[in-house]
């Protein structure tokens, strides 16, 4: 029996000594998949180890989350997380995993700012004009979002509450499905990811009226932020990060966090993330844990205030 603690300590010290599985809650080729592969490739190179990305999409991330929550807490199974991780508790009546109870935060990968877009045919050039139009025609305007519980969904609901306007939500299965409808004017507005908006602006079919980030977007430097237009509280930016099963030893969590921090700080990784539409963002351990807890509270309030029913 005395040899057991020694064996456990040895396994932790030698981590990783076999392939690591990173579960992606979205499809292969999704932005989450792309961002995850960029950082895990660098981490694998640091360790001279194998890190395998595995897609388990469905149920708005819950299939992947439940899989990892039940995995051994040995450091060899990770979960790639984004907005679904903090919105799910307030949107699901029955959930077989919990972001606080079942997981230990490791760190953040990047932030992917959204932009507030409208079709070029809509006669508004800024947030104030959009609000004025919405108030003049209550319930007439609509907005599209890439899925229930996404930042594009709850972020817009937060903006609606702050602005005191009625704008009808229309859900899609992702940004690509919204592209044609926003370009033709069937959709009146949306919070779009920066990389998706870039292609649309080149066609001249949309107008960007606000940047939803801490500062102006380098891609759209002439577009003022939501904060500059009086809505700092609506400036919610999607993030991507890594968590592991809660029983994972602290020594292993620290090793993973250290490697992740090194990857996020690497110029080549930062450049790749930037080109993919996500700004590298360091938020290790305690800081990332605080972000997760504050976002859970924020989205619970938004869901309650908007009267969004749980499934």
Foldseek 3Di string as FASTA:
>chain_A
DVCVVVVLVVPLVLPPPAEAEEEEQDDCPDLLNLLVCLLVVLLCVVSVYHYHYDYDYDPLSQRRQLVQLPDDQALRYKYKDKQCLQQVVQFAPDGPDHSPPWWFFQWFFFWFWWFKKFWPPDPDQADVRVLVVQVVPAAPAAEEDQDPRDCFVLLVLVVCVVSVGHHHYDYHNGDVVCLVCRLVRVHGIIGGTPVSVVVVVVVVGMHTHAILAPAADPVCNVHHHVVVVPCVVSSDIMTIGMIGTPPHDPSSSNVVSVSSVVSLPDPVSQVSCVVSRTGTDTQGGPRVVVVSVVSSVVSSVSCVVSVPHHD
